Amino acid sequence: MWKAITRSNPSSRRCNMRYLMLWVCLASLSATALAAEAEKTLSAVIKAGDMQALSQLTAEGADVNARDAEGYTPLASAVLHGEPQAALLLLSLGAEVDTREPEGWTPLYLAYLQDKVEMANLLHKAGAEVNIREENGDLLAFRAMERLDNPAMAQVMIDHGLNVLKRDAEDRTLFDVATLHNHPKVAKTLAEHYVALLKDYQQKLQEEQRKQAEAAATE
């Protein structure tokens, strides 16, 4: 293109240069517009804590499940940046609660790993699944136990139905994984729940045996 401009006559060159400058200006304006538009994505306004902009974008029909450049959904962004009101708005508009985020985590597990109890409870109320599985069939909780260091968060998981009796593909329990990765307080919380389940099972078994014995005695 540049050779064509320089080989033409002076008048033509001036005209072509004007067109070239106009094209450069338009390209620059387009890039600026795209950058400004990127700043208005749901994840971007959530990161900025701008609830007004979030409400406006969703009212205009923005996709509440659209992923940002890093692969996170708006709900995951709300979790990561500690914006429960944003999460509530997204959920009320139909945001998927158990989406797979980068590294395979769900928004709920991102809340667990960041010790965000309020956000975790909010997601549980919305139906988020604690016993969700990975592609290999293992509970996602096994991988979380490699990182989780807060026994209070482990208790939140237990309170919402975490299956501590499950074993992974290597025949390890959640207690085993927490112990292996040096999270003794989390391991203790898991062990206490396991013991409580065992006692409950034994009591139910004894009660059933007692009923069977009484039934046999009356025959």
Protein backbone atom coordinates (compact mmCIF):
# COMPACT_ATOMS: atom_id res chain seq x y z
CA MET A 1 0.00 0.00 0.00
CA TRP A 2 2.81 2.41 0.91
CA LYS A 3 4.59 1.76 -2.42
CA ALA A 4 1.42 2.55 -4.31
CA ILE A 5 1.12 5.85 -2.48
CA THR A 6 4.73 6.93 -3.04
CA ARG A 7 4.72 6.05 -6.77
CA SER A 8 1.61 8.06 -7.61
CA ASN A 9 1.67 11.74 -8.65
CA PRO A 10 1.95 14.46 -5.95
CA SER A 11 -1.75 15.30 -6.00
CA SER A 12 -2.71 11.66 -5.78
CA ARG A 13 -0.17 11.09 -3.02
CA ARG A 14 -1.69 13.89 -0.93
CA CYS A 15 -5.15 12.41 -1.41
CA ASN A 16 -3.97 8.92 -0.56
CA MET A 17 -2.13 10.19 2.51
CA ARG A 18 -5.35 11.78 3.73
CA TYR A 19 -7.16 8.47 3.31
CA LEU A 20 -4.35 6.68 5.11
CA MET A 21 -4.45 9.12 8.03
CA LEU A 22 -8.24 8.81 8.16
CA TRP A 23 -7.94 5.00 8.22
CA VAL A 24 -5.40 5.16 11.07
CA CYS A 25 -7.67 7.48 13.06
CA LEU A 26 -10.68 5.22 12.56
CA ALA A 27 -8.67 2.17 13.59
CA SER A 28 -7.50 3.98 16.71
CA LEU A 29 -11.05 5.01 17.57
CA SER A 30 -12.25 1.43 17.08
CA ALA A 31 -9.56 0.11 19.41
CA THR A 32 -10.49 2.72 22.01
CA ALA A 33 -14.15 1.82 21.70
CA LEU A 34 -13.37 -1.88 22.11
CA ALA A 35 -11.27 -1.16 25.19
CA ALA A 36 -14.06 0.94 26.68
CA GLU A 37 -16.54 -1.84 25.93
CA ALA A 38 -14.28 -4.39 27.62
CA GLU A 39 -14.32 -2.26 30.75
CA LYS A 40 -18.10 -2.61 30.81
CA THR A 41 -18.21 -6.42 30.93
CA LEU A 42 -20.01 -7.95 33.89
CA SER A 43 -16.81 -9.32 35.40
CA ALA A 44 -15.10 -5.94 35.04
CA VAL A 45 -17.82 -3.97 36.81
CA ILE A 46 -18.04 -6.64 39.53
CA LYS A 47 -14.29 -6.36 40.07
CA ALA A 48 -14.73 -2.59 40.38
CA GLY A 49 -17.56 -3.07 42.88
CA ASP A 50 -19.91 -1.05 40.67
CA MET A 51 -23.37 -2.41 41.44
CA GLN A 52 -25.08 0.37 39.50
CA ALA A 53 -23.21 -0.55 36.31
CA LEU A 54 -23.89 -4.24 36.95
CA SER A 55 -27.62 -3.57 37.31
CA GLN A 56 -27.61 -1.49 34.14
CA LEU A 57 -25.75 -4.09 32.08
CA THR A 58 -27.99 -6.93 33.21
CA ALA A 59 -31.08 -4.79 32.58
CA GLU A 60 -29.79 -4.28 29.03
CA GLY A 61 -29.64 -8.04 28.56
CA ALA A 62 -25.99 -8.88 29.27
CA ASP A 63 -25.36 -12.63 29.49
CA VAL A 64 -25.03 -13.49 33.19
CA ASN A 65 -23.02 -16.60 32.30
CA ALA A 66 -20.61 -14.97 29.82
CA ARG A 67 -16.97 -15.65 30.67
CA ASP A 68 -14.27 -13.01 30.86
CA ALA A 69 -10.86 -13.11 29.16
CA GLU A 70 -9.50 -15.33 31.96
CA GLY A 71 -12.35 -17.81 31.65
CA TYR A 72 -14.31 -16.86 34.78
CA THR A 73 -18.07 -16.42 34.87
CA PRO A 74 -19.57 -13.29 36.47
CA LEU A 75 -20.66 -15.38 39.48
CA ALA A 76 -17.12 -16.62 40.00
CA SER A 77 -15.88 -13.03 39.73
CA ALA A 78 -18.35 -12.02 42.43
CA VAL A 79 -16.95 -14.77 44.66
CA LEU A 80 -13.31 -13.93 43.98
CA HIS A 81 -13.82 -10.22 44.63
CA GLY A 82 -16.09 -10.64 47.66
CA GLU A 83 -19.27 -9.13 46.20
CA PRO A 84 -22.24 -11.02 47.72
CA GLN A 85 -24.80 -8.49 46.45
CA ALA A 86 -23.51 -8.99 42.93
CA ALA A 87 -23.76 -12.76 43.40
CA LEU A 88 -27.36 -12.46 44.62
CA LEU A 89 -28.31 -10.33 41.62
CA LEU A 90 -26.70 -12.74 39.17
CA LEU A 91 -28.37 -15.75 40.78
CA SER A 92 -31.75 -14.01 40.72
CA LEU A 93 -31.26 -13.52 36.97
CA GLY A 94 -30.52 -17.17 36.32
CA ALA A 95 -26.74 -17.44 36.65
CA GLU A 96 -25.62 -21.08 36.68
CA VAL A 97 -24.43 -21.99 40.16
CA ASP A 98 -22.17 -24.99 39.51
CA THR A 99 -20.18 -23.78 36.50
CA ARG A 100 -16.66 -25.07 35.98
CA GLU A 101 -14.15 -22.29 36.35
CA PRO A 102 -10.40 -22.30 35.52
CA GLU A 103 -8.61 -25.27 37.14
CA GLY A 104 -11.95 -27.06 37.38
CA TRP A 105 -13.23 -25.31 40.51
CA THR A 106 -16.86 -24.25 40.90
CA PRO A 107 -17.86 -20.87 42.38
CA LEU A 108 -18.69 -22.69 45.63
CA TYR A 109 -15.24 -24.23 45.87
CA LEU A 110 -13.63 -20.89 45.09
CA ALA A 111 -15.52 -19.55 48.12
CA TYR A 112 -14.28 -22.47 50.23
CA LEU A 113 -10.67 -21.97 49.23
CA GLN A 114 -10.81 -18.22 49.90
CA ASP A 115 -12.44 -18.65 53.34
CA LYS A 116 -15.54 -16.73 52.28
CA VAL A 117 -18.14 -18.24 54.58
CA GLU A 118 -20.91 -15.76 53.73
CA MET A 119 -20.46 -16.39 50.02
CA ALA A 120 -20.36 -20.17 50.53
CA ASN A 121 -23.61 -20.13 52.52
CA LEU A 122 -25.21 -17.91 49.88
CA LEU A 123 -24.26 -20.37 47.13
CA HIS A 124 -25.48 -23.33 49.17
CA LYS A 125 -28.88 -21.65 49.51
CA ALA A 126 -28.89 -21.29 45.73
CA GLY A 127 -28.37 -25.04 45.36
CA ALA A 128 -24.61 -25.31 44.87
CA GLU A 129 -23.41 -28.90 45.26
CA VAL A 130 -20.69 -29.75 47.78
CA ASN A 131 -20.40 -33.35 46.56
CA ILE A 132 -19.81 -32.42 42.93
CA ARG A 133 -17.44 -34.72 41.06
CA GLU A 134 -14.48 -34.26 38.77
CA GLU A 135 -14.17 -35.91 35.35
CA ASN A 136 -12.38 -38.91 36.87
CA GLY A 137 -15.29 -39.50 39.25
CA ASP A 138 -13.57 -38.27 42.42
CA LEU A 139 -15.25 -35.66 44.58
CA LEU A 140 -13.87 -32.18 43.92
CA ALA A 141 -13.50 -32.02 47.70
CA PHE A 142 -10.45 -34.29 47.53
CA ARG A 143 -8.48 -31.70 45.55
CA ALA A 144 -9.79 -28.95 47.81
CA MET A 145 -8.43 -30.76 50.87
CA GLU A 146 -4.95 -30.36 49.42
CA ARG A 147 -5.31 -26.59 49.96
CA LEU A 148 -8.00 -26.03 52.60
CA ASP A 149 -6.50 -24.93 55.91
CA ASN A 150 -9.53 -23.51 57.71
CA PRO A 151 -11.40 -26.00 59.94
CA ALA A 152 -14.38 -23.63 60.12
CA MET A 153 -14.77 -23.87 56.35
CA ALA A 154 -14.44 -27.65 56.52
CA GLN A 155 -17.31 -27.56 59.03
CA VAL A 156 -19.39 -25.49 56.60
CA MET A 157 -18.82 -28.19 54.00
CA ILE A 158 -19.83 -30.90 56.47
CA ASP A 159 -22.93 -28.97 57.55
CA HIS A 160 -24.04 -28.90 53.91
CA GLY A 161 -23.67 -32.62 53.35
CA LEU A 162 -20.02 -33.30 52.51
CA ASN A 163 -19.65 -37.07 52.21
CA VAL A 164 -16.62 -37.78 54.42
CA LEU A 165 -16.99 -41.53 53.87
CA LYS A 166 -16.09 -41.38 50.18
CA ARG A 167 -12.71 -42.56 48.92
CA ASP A 168 -10.84 -41.32 45.86
CA ALA A 169 -9.29 -43.30 43.01
CA GLU A 170 -6.25 -43.95 45.23
CA ASP A 171 -8.47 -45.32 48.03
CA ARG A 172 -7.85 -42.30 50.26
CA THR A 173 -10.40 -40.57 52.49
CA LEU A 174 -10.72 -36.80 52.78
CA PHE A 175 -9.07 -37.14 56.18
CA ASP A 176 -6.11 -38.90 54.54
CA VAL A 177 -5.66 -36.11 51.99
CA ALA A 178 -5.89 -33.33 54.58
CA THR A 179 -3.35 -35.13 56.76
CA LEU A 180 -1.01 -35.79 53.84
CA HIS A 181 -0.98 -32.09 52.93
CA ASN A 182 -0.34 -30.97 56.50
CA HIS A 183 -3.74 -29.54 57.42
CA PRO A 184 -4.14 -31.10 60.89
CA LYS A 185 -7.01 -28.88 62.07
CA VAL A 186 -9.05 -29.67 58.98
CA ALA A 187 -8.20 -33.36 59.36
CA LYS A 188 -9.38 -33.25 62.99
CA THR A 189 -12.70 -31.69 61.97
CA LEU A 190 -13.22 -34.40 59.36
CA ALA A 191 -12.25 -37.15 61.82
CA GLU A 192 -14.67 -35.87 64.47
CA HIS A 193 -17.51 -35.94 61.97
CA TYR A 194 -16.52 -39.43 60.83
CA VAL A 195 -16.55 -40.67 64.45
CA ALA A 196 -19.96 -39.06 65.00
CA LEU A 197 -21.31 -40.82 61.90
CA LEU A 198 -19.87 -44.13 63.09
CA LYS A 199 -21.47 -43.77 66.53
CA ASP A 200 -24.80 -42.90 64.93
CA TYR A 201 -24.55 -45.94 62.67
CA GLN A 202 -23.73 -48.22 65.61
CA GLN A 203 -26.68 -46.88 67.61
CA LYS A 204 -29.05 -47.44 64.69
CA LEU A 205 -27.66 -50.94 64.19
CA GLN A 206 -28.12 -51.79 67.87
CA GLU A 207 -31.67 -50.42 67.78
CA GLU A 208 -32.48 -52.51 64.73
CA GLN A 209 -31.03 -55.62 66.36
CA ARG A 210 -33.08 -54.94 69.50
CA LYS A 211 -36.29 -54.65 67.47
CA GLN A 212 -35.51 -57.87 65.61
CA ALA A 213 -34.87 -59.67 68.91
CA GLU A 214 -38.16 -58.41 70.36
CA ALA A 215 -40.04 -59.46 67.24
CA ALA A 216 -38.48 -62.93 67.38
CA ALA A 217 -39.40 -63.29 71.07
CA THR A 218 -43.09 -62.60 70.40
CA GLU A 219 -43.40 -65.19 67.64
